[in-house]
Amino acid sequence: MPVKKQCNHAGCKVLVDYRQKYCDKHKAEQTTVKREERKQSEGKYFQFYQSRTWRKASYLYRLNHPVCEDCLEEGLIRKADVVDHKIELKDDFSKRLDETNFRSLCHAHHNIKTTREKRKRKSDSL
C-alpha cells in the first residue's frame, strides 16, 4: 500500500501520494506563473528561501528538532517538514538566521499559520 499524506494546500484534507505536494484540484493553482509572481513581489524573501544558507540552516534545525512543535503542544508526535520563522521575515529580516526565531512544523500547521498571517496582514492593510 502506497504511503499517503495530506495535500499541502491550507485546510485541504485530501490524501495524496507522499511524493506529491498537492491534490489534483490544488495542483492546477500551483503553476509557474504563481512562482514568477511571487518571485517578483517578494524578491529578497524569495531569494533567501532559495539560498544555500537557508536550506542548510533549516536542514540542521530540523535534524535537532525533528518533531512538529505545534503537534507536540497538542500531545501528538508528527515529523516536522518545515522550519518556520516565528517573526516573519517581512517584519524583521535581520532575524532570518536566528535559531531562536525558528520553529519546526508539519505542513498542516505551517499552512494554517501562513494562512492566518496572510489574512492578518491583509486586514491590517485595509
PDB file of N, CA and C in Angstrom:
ATOM      1  N   MET A   1       0.840  -1.187   0.000  1.00  0.00           N
ATOM      2  CA  MET A   1       0.000   0.000   0.000  1.00  0.00           C
ATOM      3  C   MET A   1       0.879   1.243   0.000  1.00  0.00           C
ATOM      4  N   PRO A   2       0.646   2.174  -0.945  1.00  0.00           N
ATOM      5  CA  PRO A   2       1.485   3.369  -1.020  1.00  0.00           C
ATOM      6  C   PRO A   2       1.268   4.289   0.183  1.00  0.00           C
ATOM      7  N   VAL A   3       2.322   4.999   0.558  1.00  0.00           N
ATOM      8  CA  VAL A   3       2.269   5.925   1.686  1.00  0.00           C
ATOM      9  C   VAL A   3       1.571   7.204   1.227  1.00  0.00           C
ATOM     10  N   LYS A   4       0.663   7.708   2.057  1.00  0.00           N
ATOM     11  CA  LYS A   4      -0.112   8.906   1.720  1.00  0.00           C
ATOM     12  C   LYS A   4       0.149  10.013   2.741  1.00  0.00           C
ATOM     13  N   LYS A   5      -0.107  11.235   2.320  1.00  0.00           N
ATOM     14  CA  LYS A   5      -0.036  12.401   3.202  1.00  0.00           C
ATOM     15  C   LYS A   5      -1.100  13.384   2.741  1.00  0.00           C
ATOM     16  N   GLN A   6      -1.358  14.406   3.550  1.00  0.00           N
ATOM     17  CA  GLN A   6      -2.353  15.407   3.196  1.00  0.00           C
ATOM     18  C   GLN A   6      -1.797  16.361   2.150  1.00  0.00           C
ATOM     19  N   CYS A   7      -2.675  16.853   1.308  1.00  0.00           N
ATOM     20  CA  CYS A   7      -2.350  17.897   0.331  1.00  0.00           C
ATOM     21  C   CYS A   7      -1.769  19.093   1.089  1.00  0.00           C
ATOM     22  N   ASN A   8      -0.773  19.759   0.502  1.00  0.00           N
ATOM     23  CA  ASN A   8      -0.114  20.892   1.161  1.00  0.00           C
ATOM     24  C   ASN A   8      -0.956  22.157   1.191  1.00  0.00           C
ATOM     25  N   HIS A   9      -2.065  22.195   0.461  1.00  0.00           N
ATOM     26  CA  HIS A   9      -2.907  23.392   0.450  1.00  0.00           C
ATOM     27  C   HIS A   9      -3.568  23.551   1.816  1.00  0.00           C
ATOM     28  N   ALA A  10      -3.508  24.760   2.370  1.00  0.00           N
ATOM     29  CA  ALA A  10      -4.052  25.015   3.710  1.00  0.00           C
ATOM     30  C   ALA A  10      -5.508  24.580   3.810  1.00  0.00           C
ATOM     31  N   GLY A  11      -5.785  23.725   4.779  1.00  0.00           N
ATOM     32  CA  GLY A  11      -7.141  23.284   5.041  1.00  0.00           C
ATOM     33  C   GLY A  11      -7.611  22.099   4.223  1.00  0.00           C
ATOM     34  N   CYS A  12      -6.867  21.690   3.205  1.00  0.00           N
ATOM     35  CA  CYS A  12      -7.271  20.565   2.358  1.00  0.00           C
ATOM     36  C   CYS A  12      -6.907  19.253   3.057  1.00  0.00           C
ATOM     37  N   LYS A  13      -7.845  18.354   3.131  1.00  0.00           N
ATOM     38  CA  LYS A  13      -7.628  17.090   3.832  1.00  0.00           C
ATOM     39  C   LYS A  13      -7.491  15.895   2.865  1.00  0.00           C
ATOM     40  N   VAL A  14      -7.434  16.169   1.565  1.00  0.00           N
ATOM     41  CA  VAL A  14      -7.316  15.102   0.574  1.00  0.00           C
ATOM     42  C   VAL A  14      -5.949  14.432   0.711  1.00  0.00           C
ATOM     43  N   LEU A  15      -5.936  13.108   0.666  1.00  0.00           N
ATOM     44  CA  LEU A  15      -4.681  12.360   0.757  1.00  0.00           C
ATOM     45  C   LEU A  15      -4.080  12.191  -0.628  1.00  0.00           C
ATOM     46  N   VAL A  16      -2.775  12.432  -0.716  1.00  0.00           N
ATOM     47  CA  VAL A  16      -2.046  12.282  -1.971  1.00  0.00           C
ATOM     48  C   VAL A  16      -0.827  11.394  -1.722  1.00  0.00           C
ATOM     49  N   ASP A  17      -0.261  10.865  -2.783  1.00  0.00           N
ATOM     50  CA  ASP A  17       0.961  10.080  -2.693  1.00  0.00           C
ATOM     51  C   ASP A  17       2.037  10.933  -2.024  1.00  0.00           C
ATOM     52  N   TYR A  18       2.873  10.335  -1.201  1.00  0.00           N
ATOM     53  CA  TYR A  18       3.866  11.100  -0.430  1.00  0.00           C
ATOM     54  C   TYR A  18       4.835  11.873  -1.319  1.00  0.00           C
ATOM     55  N   ARG A  19       4.966  11.495  -2.593  1.00  0.00           N
ATOM     56  CA  ARG A  19       5.870  12.215  -3.495  1.00  0.00           C
ATOM     57  C   ARG A  19       5.205  13.432  -4.122  1.00  0.00           C
ATOM     58  N   GLN A  20       3.903  13.575  -3.949  1.00  0.00           N
ATOM     59  CA  GLN A  20       3.183  14.715  -4.494  1.00  0.00           C
ATOM     60  C   GLN A  20       3.029  15.790  -3.427  1.00  0.00           C
ATOM     61  N   LYS A  21       2.864  17.016  -3.874  1.00  0.00           N
ATOM     62  CA  LYS A  21       2.636  18.107  -2.922  1.00  0.00           C
ATOM     63  C   LYS A  21       1.155  18.434  -2.807  1.00  0.00           C
ATOM     64  N   TYR A  22       0.432  18.417  -3.928  1.00  0.00           N
ATOM     65  CA  TYR A  22      -0.949  18.867  -3.941  1.00  0.00           C
ATOM     66  C   TYR A  22      -1.867  17.832  -4.599  1.00  0.00           C
ATOM     67  N   CYS A  23      -3.144  17.896  -4.207  1.00  0.00           N
ATOM     68  CA  CYS A  23      -4.155  17.069  -4.854  1.00  0.00           C
ATOM     69  C   CYS A  23      -4.407  17.656  -6.254  1.00  0.00           C
ATOM     70  N   ASP A  24      -5.168  16.954  -7.076  1.00  0.00           N
ATOM     71  CA  ASP A  24      -5.415  17.418  -8.443  1.00  0.00           C
ATOM     72  C   ASP A  24      -6.068  18.798  -8.474  1.00  0.00           C
ATOM     73  N   LYS A  25      -6.989  19.048  -7.550  1.00  0.00           N
ATOM     74  CA  LYS A  25      -7.685  20.336  -7.511  1.00  0.00           C
ATOM     75  C   LYS A  25      -6.714  21.491  -7.261  1.00  0.00           C
ATOM     76  N   HIS A  26      -5.784  21.309  -6.313  1.00  0.00           N
ATOM     77  CA  HIS A  26      -4.879  22.401  -5.942  1.00  0.00           C
ATOM     78  C   HIS A  26      -3.598  22.434  -6.776  1.00  0.00           C
ATOM     79  N   LYS A  27      -3.299  21.330  -7.443  1.00  0.00           N
ATOM     80  CA  LYS A  27      -2.109  21.299  -8.290  1.00  0.00           C
ATOM     81  C   LYS A  27      -2.226  22.329  -9.407  1.00  0.00           C
ATOM     82  N   ALA A  28      -3.456  22.489  -9.938  1.00  0.00           N
ATOM     83  CA  ALA A  28      -3.687  23.442 -11.025  1.00  0.00           C
ATOM     84  C   ALA A  28      -3.368  24.872 -10.591  1.00  0.00           C
ATOM     85  N   GLU A  29      -3.563  25.166  -9.314  1.00  0.00           N
ATOM     86  CA  GLU A  29      -3.301  26.515  -8.809  1.00  0.00           C
ATOM     87  C   GLU A  29      -1.808  26.803  -8.670  1.00  0.00           C
ATOM     88  N   GLN A  30      -1.009  25.768  -8.557  1.00  0.00           N
ATOM     89  CA  GLN A  30       0.420  25.931  -8.315  1.00  0.00           C
ATOM     90  C   GLN A  30       1.188  25.893  -9.636  1.00  0.00           C
ATOM     91  N   THR A  31       1.095  26.947 -10.399  1.00  0.00           N
ATOM     92  CA  THR A  31       1.731  26.993 -11.715  1.00  0.00           C
ATOM     93  C   THR A  31       3.012  27.811 -11.669  1.00  0.00           C
ATOM     94  N   THR A  32       3.733  27.751 -12.738  1.00  0.00           N
ATOM     95  CA  THR A  32       4.958  28.536 -12.868  1.00  0.00           C
ATOM     96  C   THR A  32       4.654  30.019 -12.788  1.00  0.00           C
ATOM     97  N   VAL A  33       3.491  30.418 -13.284  1.00  0.00           N
ATOM     98  CA  VAL A  33       3.100  31.829 -13.247  1.00  0.00           C
ATOM     99  C   VAL A  33       3.047  32.312 -11.802  1.00  0.00           C
ATOM    100  N   LYS A  34       2.442  31.524 -10.915  1.00  0.00           N
ATOM    101  CA  LYS A  34       2.375  31.914  -9.500  1.00  0.00           C
ATOM    102  C   LYS A  34       3.776  32.052  -8.917  1.00  0.00           C
ATOM    103  N   ARG A  35       4.647  31.121  -9.279  1.00  0.00           N
ATOM    104  CA  ARG A  35       6.014  31.171  -8.773  1.00  0.00           C
ATOM    105  C   ARG A  35       6.704  32.451  -9.232  1.00  0.00           C
ATOM    106  N   GLU A  36       6.519  32.803 -10.493  1.00  0.00           N
ATOM    107  CA  GLU A  36       7.137  34.016 -11.023  1.00  0.00           C
ATOM    108  C   GLU A  36       6.538  35.266 -10.387  1.00  0.00           C
ATOM    109  N   GLU A  37       5.217  35.259 -10.152  1.00  0.00           N
ATOM    110  CA  GLU A  37       4.577  36.395  -9.487  1.00  0.00           C
ATOM    111  C   GLU A  37       5.155  36.574  -8.091  1.00  0.00           C
ATOM    112  N   ARG A  38       5.291  35.469  -7.385  1.00  0.00           N
ATOM    113  CA  ARG A  38       5.832  35.519  -6.025  1.00  0.00           C
ATOM    114  C   ARG A  38       7.277  36.007  -6.049  1.00  0.00           C
ATOM    115  N   LYS A  39       8.027  35.535  -7.013  1.00  0.00           N
ATOM    116  CA  LYS A  39       9.442  35.916  -7.127  1.00  0.00           C
ATOM    117  C   LYS A  39       9.570  37.426  -7.310  1.00  0.00           C
ATOM    118  N   GLN A  40       8.685  38.004  -8.123  1.00  0.00           N
ATOM    119  CA  GLN A  40       8.751  39.442  -8.363  1.00  0.00           C
ATOM    120  C   GLN A  40       8.220  40.253  -7.189  1.00  0.00           C
ATOM    121  N   SER A  41       7.142  39.782  -6.558  1.00  0.00           N
ATOM    122  CA  SER A  41       6.536  40.570  -5.486  1.00  0.00           C
ATOM    123  C   SER A  41       7.286  40.427  -4.164  1.00  0.00           C
ATOM    124  N   GLU A  42       7.972  39.329  -3.971  1.00  0.00           N
ATOM    125  CA  GLU A  42       8.653  39.080  -2.703  1.00  0.00           C
ATOM    126  C   GLU A  42      10.155  38.871  -2.903  1.00  0.00           C
ATOM    127  N   GLY A  43      10.738  39.584  -3.817  1.00  0.00           N
ATOM    128  CA  GLY A  43      12.118  39.462  -4.234  1.00  0.00           C
ATOM    129  C   GLY A  43      13.138  38.920  -3.251  1.00  0.00           C
ATOM    130  N   LYS A  44      13.533  39.715  -2.255  1.00  0.00           N
ATOM    131  CA  LYS A  44      14.620  39.284  -1.369  1.00  0.00           C
ATOM    132  C   LYS A  44      14.207  38.114  -0.489  1.00  0.00           C
ATOM    133  N   TYR A  45      12.909  38.020  -0.146  1.00  0.00           N
ATOM    134  CA  TYR A  45      12.440  36.902   0.677  1.00  0.00           C
ATOM    135  C   TYR A  45      12.492  35.612  -0.127  1.00  0.00           C
ATOM    136  N   PHE A  46      12.031  35.692  -1.359  1.00  0.00           N
ATOM    137  CA  PHE A  46      12.050  34.529  -2.249  1.00  0.00           C
ATOM    138  C   PHE A  46      13.490  34.060  -2.450  1.00  0.00           C
ATOM    139  N   GLN A  47      14.386  34.984  -2.721  1.00  0.00           N
ATOM    140  CA  GLN A  47      15.794  34.636  -2.921  1.00  0.00           C
ATOM    141  C   GLN A  47      16.385  34.006  -1.679  1.00  0.00           C
ATOM    142  N   PHE A  48      16.048  34.535  -0.503  1.00  0.00           N
ATOM    143  CA  PHE A  48      16.576  33.987   0.737  1.00  0.00           C
ATOM    144  C   PHE A  48      16.138  32.533   0.907  1.00  0.00           C
ATOM    145  N   TYR A  49      14.842  32.257   0.705  1.00  0.00           N
ATOM    146  CA  TYR A  49      14.342  30.895   0.905  1.00  0.00           C
ATOM    147  C   TYR A  49      14.903  29.913  -0.123  1.00  0.00           C
ATOM    148  N   GLN A  50      15.412  30.405  -1.236  1.00  0.00           N
ATOM    149  CA  GLN A  50      16.041  29.549  -2.235  1.00  0.00           C
ATOM    150  C   GLN A  50      17.548  29.399  -2.001  1.00  0.00           C
ATOM    151  N   SER A  51      18.086  30.157  -1.064  1.00  0.00           N
ATOM    152  CA  SER A  51      19.539  30.196  -0.867  1.00  0.00           C
ATOM    153  C   SER A  51      20.070  28.938  -0.183  1.00  0.00           C
ATOM    154  N   ARG A  52      21.310  28.662  -0.451  1.00  0.00           N
ATOM    155  CA  ARG A  52      22.002  27.530   0.166  1.00  0.00           C
ATOM    156  C   ARG A  52      22.103  27.732   1.683  1.00  0.00           C
ATOM    157  N   THR A  53      22.309  28.969   2.087  1.00  0.00           N
ATOM    158  CA  THR A  53      22.430  29.288   3.511  1.00  0.00           C
ATOM    159  C   THR A  53      21.162  28.883   4.266  1.00  0.00           C
ATOM    160  N   TRP A  54      19.986  29.250   3.726  1.00  0.00           N
ATOM    161  CA  TRP A  54      18.729  28.903   4.391  1.00  0.00           C
ATOM    162  C   TRP A  54      18.481  27.395   4.352  1.00  0.00           C
ATOM    163  N   ARG A  55      18.722  26.781   3.207  1.00  0.00           N
ATOM    164  CA  ARG A  55      18.488  25.328   3.101  1.00  0.00           C
ATOM    165  C   ARG A  55      19.331  24.579   4.131  1.00  0.00           C
ATOM    166  N   LYS A  56      20.574  25.000   4.301  1.00  0.00           N
ATOM    167  CA  LYS A  56      21.458  24.342   5.268  1.00  0.00           C
ATOM    168  C   LYS A  56      20.991  24.608   6.700  1.00  0.00           C
ATOM    169  N   ALA A  57      20.681  25.861   7.012  1.00  0.00           N
ATOM    170  CA  ALA A  57      20.242  26.222   8.370  1.00  0.00           C
ATOM    171  C   ALA A  57      18.947  25.496   8.732  1.00  0.00           C
ATOM    172  N   SER A  58      17.993  25.446   7.814  1.00  0.00           N
ATOM    173  CA  SER A  58      16.722  24.792   8.126  1.00  0.00           C
ATOM    174  C   SER A  58      16.895  23.277   8.231  1.00  0.00           C
ATOM    175  N   TYR A  59      17.759  22.718   7.408  1.00  0.00           N
ATOM    176  CA  TYR A  59      18.036  21.280   7.482  1.00  0.00           C
ATOM    177  C   TYR A  59      18.645  20.924   8.846  1.00  0.00           C
ATOM    178  N   LEU A  60      19.640  21.683   9.266  1.00  0.00           N
ATOM    179  CA  LEU A  60      20.292  21.414  10.555  1.00  0.00           C
ATOM    180  C   LEU A  60      19.324  21.603  11.720  1.00  0.00           C
ATOM    181  N   TYR A  61      18.457  22.608  11.626  1.00  0.00           N
ATOM    182  CA  TYR A  61      17.481  22.835  12.694  1.00  0.00           C
ATOM    183  C   TYR A  61      16.508  21.656  12.774  1.00  0.00           C
ATOM    184  N   ARG A  62      16.055  21.169  11.611  1.00  0.00           N
ATOM    185  CA  ARG A  62      15.137  20.017  11.607  1.00  0.00           C
ATOM    186  C   ARG A  62      15.812  18.757  12.129  1.00  0.00           C
ATOM    187  N   LEU A  63      17.098  18.621  11.895  1.00  0.00           N
ATOM    188  CA  LEU A  63      17.822  17.466  12.455  1.00  0.00           C
ATOM    189  C   LEU A  63      17.779  17.493  13.978  1.00  0.00           C
ATOM    190  N   ASN A  64      17.926  18.679  14.556  1.00  0.00           N
ATOM    191  CA  ASN A  64      17.917  18.834  16.007  1.00  0.00           C
ATOM    192  C   ASN A  64      16.510  18.942  16.600  1.00  0.00           C
ATOM    193  N   HIS A  65      15.525  19.266  15.770  1.00  0.00           N
ATOM    194  CA  HIS A  65      14.125  19.418  16.207  1.00  0.00           C
ATOM    195  C   HIS A  65      13.235  18.692  15.199  1.00  0.00           C
ATOM    196  N   PRO A  66      13.237  17.352  15.211  1.00  0.00           N
ATOM    197  CA  PRO A  66      12.567  16.581  14.156  1.00  0.00           C
ATOM    198  C   PRO A  66      11.044  16.470  14.285  1.00  0.00           C
ATOM    199  N   VAL A  67      10.474  16.961  15.389  1.00  0.00           N
ATOM    200  CA  VAL A  67       9.040  16.810  15.630  1.00  0.00           C
ATOM    201  C   VAL A  67       8.359  18.176  15.532  1.00  0.00           C
ATOM    202  N   CYS A  68       7.158  18.195  14.937  1.00  0.00           N
ATOM    203  CA  CYS A  68       6.370  19.432  14.829  1.00  0.00           C
ATOM    204  C   CYS A  68       6.074  19.966  16.231  1.00  0.00           C
ATOM    205  N   GLU A  69       6.463  21.208  16.475  1.00  0.00           N
ATOM    206  CA  GLU A  69       6.304  21.800  17.801  1.00  0.00           C
ATOM    207  C   GLU A  69       4.835  22.057  18.147  1.00  0.00           C
ATOM    208  N   ASP A  70       4.007  22.390  17.157  1.00  0.00           N
ATOM    209  CA  ASP A  70       2.577  22.591  17.415  1.00  0.00           C
ATOM    210  C   ASP A  70       1.887  21.267  17.722  1.00  0.00           C
ATOM    211  N   CYS A  71       2.256  20.212  17.005  1.00  0.00           N
ATOM    212  CA  CYS A  71       1.692  18.888  17.286  1.00  0.00           C
ATOM    213  C   CYS A  71       2.051  18.450  18.703  1.00  0.00           C
ATOM    214  N   LEU A  72       3.301  18.693  19.096  1.00  0.00           N
ATOM    215  CA  LEU A  72       3.742  18.331  20.446  1.00  0.00           C
ATOM    216  C   LEU A  72       2.882  19.016  21.506  1.00  0.00           C
ATOM    217  N   GLU A  73       2.564  20.296  21.274  1.00  0.00           N
ATOM    218  CA  GLU A  73       1.722  21.031  22.216  1.00  0.00           C
ATOM    219  C   GLU A  73       0.327  20.412  22.304  1.00  0.00           C
ATOM    220  N   GLU A  74      -0.117  19.748  21.205  1.00  0.00           N
ATOM    221  CA  GLU A  74      -1.426  19.096  21.179  1.00  0.00           C
ATOM    222  C   GLU A  74      -1.350  17.648  21.671  1.00  0.00           C
ATOM    223  N   GLY A  75      -0.153  17.211  22.065  1.00  0.00           N
ATOM    224  CA  GLY A  75       0.023  15.847  22.558  1.00  0.00           C
ATOM    225  C   GLY A  75       0.230  14.823  21.454  1.00  0.00           C
ATOM    226  N   LEU A  76       0.554  15.289  20.249  1.00  0.00           N
ATOM    227  CA  LEU A  76       0.794  14.394  19.113  1.00  0.00           C
ATOM    228  C   LEU A  76       2.271  14.391  18.754  1.00  0.00           C
ATOM    229  N   ILE A  77       2.692  13.342  18.096  1.00  0.00           N
ATOM    230  CA  ILE A  77       4.063  13.302  17.593  1.00  0.00           C
ATOM    231  C   ILE A  77       3.969  13.126  16.083  1.00  0.00           C
ATOM    232  N   ARG A  78       4.396  14.162  15.377  1.00  0.00           N
ATOM    233  CA  ARG A  78       4.382  14.149  13.913  1.00  0.00           C
ATOM    234  C   ARG A  78       5.684  14.767  13.434  1.00  0.00           C
ATOM    235  N   LYS A  79       6.252  14.204  12.409  1.00  0.00           N
ATOM    236  CA  LYS A  79       7.528  14.691  11.885  1.00  0.00           C
ATOM    237  C   LYS A  79       7.389  16.118  11.369  1.00  0.00           C
ATOM    238  N   ALA A  80       8.417  16.900  11.607  1.00  0.00           N
ATOM    239  CA  ALA A  80       8.458  18.278  11.109  1.00  0.00           C
ATOM    240  C   ALA A  80       8.886  18.261   9.650  1.00  0.00           C
ATOM    241  N   ASP A  81       8.202  19.032   8.832  1.00  0.00           N
ATOM    242  CA  ASP A  81       8.514  19.122   7.407  1.00  0.00           C
ATOM    243  C   ASP A  81       9.150  20.456   7.050  1.00  0.00           C
ATOM    244  N   VAL A  82       8.890  21.466   7.884  1.00  0.00           N
ATOM    245  CA  VAL A  82       9.253  22.839   7.543  1.00  0.00           C
ATOM    246  C   VAL A  82       9.837  23.534   8.776  1.00  0.00           C
ATOM    247  N   VAL A  83      10.798  24.408   8.549  1.00  0.00           N
ATOM    248  CA  VAL A  83      11.264  25.289   9.618  1.00  0.00           C
ATOM    249  C   VAL A  83      10.634  26.646   9.338  1.00  0.00           C
ATOM    250  N   ASP A  84       9.897  27.130  10.315  1.00  0.00           N
ATOM    251  CA  ASP A  84       9.151  28.374  10.171  1.00  0.00           C
ATOM    252  C   ASP A  84       9.794  29.461  11.017  1.00  0.00           C
ATOM    253  N   HIS A  85       9.623  30.696  10.579  1.00  0.00           N
ATOM    254  CA  HIS A  85      10.081  31.847  11.367  1.00  0.00           C
ATOM    255  C   HIS A  85       8.936  32.312  12.252  1.00  0.00           C
ATOM    256  N   LYS A  86       9.160  32.371  13.558  1.00  0.00           N
ATOM    257  CA  LYS A  86       8.137  32.868  14.487  1.00  0.00           C
ATOM    258  C   LYS A  86       7.767  34.301  14.119  1.00  0.00           C
ATOM    259  N   ILE A  87       8.792  35.140  13.958  1.00  0.00           N
ATOM    260  CA  ILE A  87       8.594  36.512  13.483  1.00  0.00           C
ATOM    261  C   ILE A  87       8.901  36.494  11.993  1.00  0.00           C
ATOM    262  N   GLU A  88       7.914  36.835  11.189  1.00  0.00           N
ATOM    263  CA  GLU A  88       8.075  36.773   9.736  1.00  0.00           C
ATOM    264  C   GLU A  88       9.232  37.639   9.255  1.00  0.00           C
ATOM    265  N   LEU A  89       9.830  37.227   8.154  1.00  0.00           N
ATOM    266  CA  LEU A  89      10.934  37.994   7.576  1.00  0.00           C
ATOM    267  C   LEU A  89      10.483  39.391   7.172  1.00  0.00           C
ATOM    268  N   LYS A  90       9.224  39.501   6.750  1.00  0.00           N
ATOM    269  CA  LYS A  90       8.700  40.814   6.356  1.00  0.00           C
ATOM    270  C   LYS A  90       8.661  41.770   7.546  1.00  0.00           C
ATOM    271  N   ASP A  91       8.575  41.217   8.738  1.00  0.00           N
ATOM    272  CA  ASP A  91       8.522  42.047   9.939  1.00  0.00           C
ATOM    273  C   ASP A  91       9.909  42.338  10.509  1.00  0.00           C
ATOM    274  N   ASP A  92      10.845  41.406  10.352  1.00  0.00           N
ATOM    275  CA  ASP A  92      12.210  41.613  10.850  1.00  0.00           C
ATOM    276  C   ASP A  92      13.176  40.704  10.084  1.00  0.00           C
ATOM    277  N   PHE A  93      13.678  41.210   8.966  1.00  0.00           N
ATOM    278  CA  PHE A  93      14.561  40.435   8.093  1.00  0.00           C
ATOM    279  C   PHE A  93      15.874  40.069   8.785  1.00  0.00           C
ATOM    280  N   SER A  94      16.268  40.843   9.799  1.00  0.00           N
ATOM    281  CA  SER A  94      17.537  40.578  10.482  1.00  0.00           C
ATOM    282  C   SER A  94      17.493  39.269  11.275  1.00  0.00           C
ATOM    283  N   LYS A  95      16.299  38.749  11.556  1.00  0.00           N
ATOM    284  CA  LYS A  95      16.172  37.502  12.325  1.00  0.00           C
ATOM    285  C   LYS A  95      16.080  36.269  11.431  1.00  0.00           C
ATOM    286  N   ARG A  96      16.421  36.409  10.173  1.00  0.00           N
ATOM    287  CA  ARG A  96      16.255  35.305   9.219  1.00  0.00           C
ATOM    288  C   ARG A  96      17.089  34.069   9.548  1.00  0.00           C
ATOM    289  N   LEU A  97      18.228  34.229  10.208  1.00  0.00           N
ATOM    290  CA  LEU A  97      19.077  33.087  10.556  1.00  0.00           C
ATOM    291  C   LEU A  97      19.238  32.916  12.066  1.00  0.00           C
ATOM    292  N   ASP A  98      18.395  33.578  12.828  1.00  0.00           N
ATOM    293  CA  ASP A  98      18.419  33.489  14.287  1.00  0.00           C
ATOM    294  C   ASP A  98      17.615  32.262  14.723  1.00  0.00           C
ATOM    295  N   GLU A  99      18.306  31.250  15.244  1.00  0.00           N
ATOM    296  CA  GLU A  99      17.632  29.997  15.616  1.00  0.00           C
ATOM    297  C   GLU A  99      16.571  30.184  16.692  1.00  0.00           C
ATOM    298  N   THR A 100      16.656  31.229  17.482  1.00  0.00           N
ATOM    299  CA  THR A 100      15.613  31.466  18.489  1.00  0.00           C
ATOM    300  C   THR A 100      14.309  31.912  17.824  1.00  0.00           C
ATOM    301  N   ASN A 101      14.382  32.238  16.543  1.00  0.00           N
ATOM    302  CA  ASN A 101      13.205  32.643  15.781  1.00  0.00           C
ATOM    303  C   ASN A 101      12.657  31.486  14.930  1.00  0.00           C
ATOM    304  N   PHE A 102      13.227  30.289  15.063  1.00  0.00           N
ATOM    305  CA  PHE A 102      12.808  29.125  14.266  1.00  0.00           C
ATOM    306  C   PHE A 102      11.813  28.273  15.032  1.00  0.00           C
ATOM    307  N   ARG A 103      10.949  27.586  14.285  1.00  0.00           N
ATOM    308  CA  ARG A 103      10.036  26.564  14.823  1.00  0.00           C
ATOM    309  C   ARG A 103       9.922  25.459  13.793  1.00  0.00           C
ATOM    310  N   SER A 104      10.019  24.222  14.244  1.00  0.00           N
ATOM    311  CA  SER A 104       9.794  23.077  13.356  1.00  0.00           C
ATOM    312  C   SER A 104       8.303  22.810  13.312  1.00  0.00           C
ATOM    313  N   LEU A 105       7.746  22.732  12.096  1.00  0.00           N
ATOM    314  CA  LEU A 105       6.312  22.492  11.935  1.00  0.00           C
ATOM    315  C   LEU A 105       6.052  21.450  10.852  1.00  0.00           C
ATOM    316  N   CYS A 106       4.935  20.751  10.978  1.00  0.00           N
ATOM    317  CA  CYS A 106       4.477  19.866   9.906  1.00  0.00           C
ATOM    318  C   CYS A 106       3.817  20.758   8.850  1.00  0.00           C
ATOM    319  N   HIS A 107       3.566  20.206   7.669  1.00  0.00           N
ATOM    320  CA  HIS A 107       2.942  21.009   6.607  1.00  0.00           C
ATOM    321  C   HIS A 107       1.584  21.559   7.044  1.00  0.00           C
ATOM    322  N   ALA A 108       0.794  20.743   7.718  1.00  0.00           N
ATOM    323  CA  ALA A 108      -0.550  21.175   8.114  1.00  0.00           C
ATOM    324  C   ALA A 108      -0.491  22.407   9.014  1.00  0.00           C
ATOM    325  N   HIS A 109       0.339  22.372  10.059  1.00  0.00           N
ATOM    326  CA  HIS A 109       0.425  23.519  10.964  1.00  0.00           C
ATOM    327  C   HIS A 109       1.068  24.728  10.284  1.00  0.00           C
ATOM    328  N   HIS A 110       2.033  24.487   9.417  1.00  0.00           N
ATOM    329  CA  HIS A 110       2.660  25.600   8.707  1.00  0.00           C
ATOM    330  C   HIS A 110       1.646  26.284   7.792  1.00  0.00           C
ATOM    331  N   ASN A 111       0.837  25.498   7.098  1.00  0.00           N
ATOM    332  CA  ASN A 111      -0.170  26.075   6.207  1.00  0.00           C
ATOM    333  C   ASN A 111      -1.208  26.874   6.991  1.00  0.00           C
ATOM    334  N   ILE A 112      -1.599  26.370   8.137  1.00  0.00           N
ATOM    335  CA  ILE A 112      -2.565  27.085   8.982  1.00  0.00           C
ATOM    336  C   ILE A 112      -1.979  28.422   9.438  1.00  0.00           C
ATOM    337  N   LYS A 113      -0.725  28.393   9.905  1.00  0.00           N
ATOM    338  CA  LYS A 113      -0.065  29.612  10.385  1.00  0.00           C
ATOM    339  C   LYS A 113       0.095  30.624   9.250  1.00  0.00           C
ATOM    340  N   THR A 114       0.506  30.143   8.088  1.00  0.00           N
ATOM    341  CA  THR A 114       0.719  31.025   6.943  1.00  0.00           C
ATOM    342  C   THR A 114      -0.591  31.677   6.509  1.00  0.00           C
ATOM    343  N   THR A 115      -1.656  30.899   6.453  1.00  0.00           N
ATOM    344  CA  THR A 115      -2.961  31.440   6.068  1.00  0.00           C
ATOM    345  C   THR A 115      -3.415  32.501   7.063  1.00  0.00           C
ATOM    346  N   ARG A 116      -3.251  32.226   8.340  1.00  0.00           N
ATOM    347  CA  ARG A 116      -3.631  33.177   9.395  1.00  0.00           C
ATOM    348  C   ARG A 116      -2.834  34.481   9.245  1.00  0.00           C
ATOM    349  N   GLU A 117      -1.537  34.369   9.000  1.00  0.00           N
ATOM    350  CA  GLU A 117      -0.693  35.557   8.867  1.00  0.00           C
ATOM    351  C   GLU A 117      -1.057  36.376   7.631  1.00  0.00           C
ATOM    352  N   LYS A 118      -1.360  35.684   6.526  1.00  0.00           N
ATOM    353  CA  LYS A 118      -1.757  36.396   5.301  1.00  0.00           C
ATOM    354  C   LYS A 118      -3.050  37.160   5.520  1.00  0.00           C
ATOM    355  N   ARG A 119      -4.020  36.526   6.187  1.00  0.00           N
ATOM    356  CA  ARG A 119      -5.300  37.205   6.463  1.00  0.00           C
ATOM    357  C   ARG A 119      -5.084  38.415   7.377  1.00  0.00           C
ATOM    358  N   LYS A 120      -4.236  38.240   8.390  1.00  0.00           N
ATOM    359  CA  LYS A 120      -3.967  39.341   9.319  1.00  0.00           C
ATOM    360  C   LYS A 120      -3.293  40.495   8.590  1.00  0.00           C
ATOM    361  N   ARG A 121      -2.310  40.173   7.772  1.00  0.00           N
ATOM    362  CA  ARG A 121      -1.578  41.197   7.020  1.00  0.00           C
ATOM    363  C   ARG A 121      -2.529  41.934   6.073  1.00  0.00           C
ATOM    364  N   LYS A 122      -3.436  41.167   5.462  1.00  0.00           N
ATOM    365  CA  LYS A 122      -4.385  41.758   4.518  1.00  0.00           C
ATOM    366  C   LYS A 122      -5.361  42.679   5.248  1.00  0.00           C
ATOM    367  N   SER A 123      -5.863  42.249   6.415  1.00  0.00           N
ATOM    368  CA  SER A 123      -6.796  43.073   7.181  1.00  0.00           C
ATOM    369  C   SER A 123      -6.107  44.316   7.753  1.00  0.00           C
ATOM    370  N   ASP A 124      -4.824  44.197   8.094  1.00  0.00           N
ATOM    371  CA  ASP A 124      -4.077  45.352   8.607  1.00  0.00           C
ATOM    372  C   ASP A 124      -3.870  46.411   7.526  1.00  0.00           C
ATOM    373  N   SER A 125      -3.808  45.975   6.273  1.00  0.00           N
ATOM    374  CA  SER A 125      -3.540  46.913   5.186  1.00  0.00           C
ATOM    375  C   SER A 125      -4.803  47.626   4.712  1.00  0.00           C
ATOM    376  N   LEU A 126      -5.975  47.161   5.156  1.00  0.00           N
ATOM    377  CA  LEU A 126      -7.242  47.805   4.732  1.00  0.00           C
ATOM    378  C   LEU A 126      -7.550  49.045   5.482  1.00  0.00           C
TER     379      LEU A 126
END
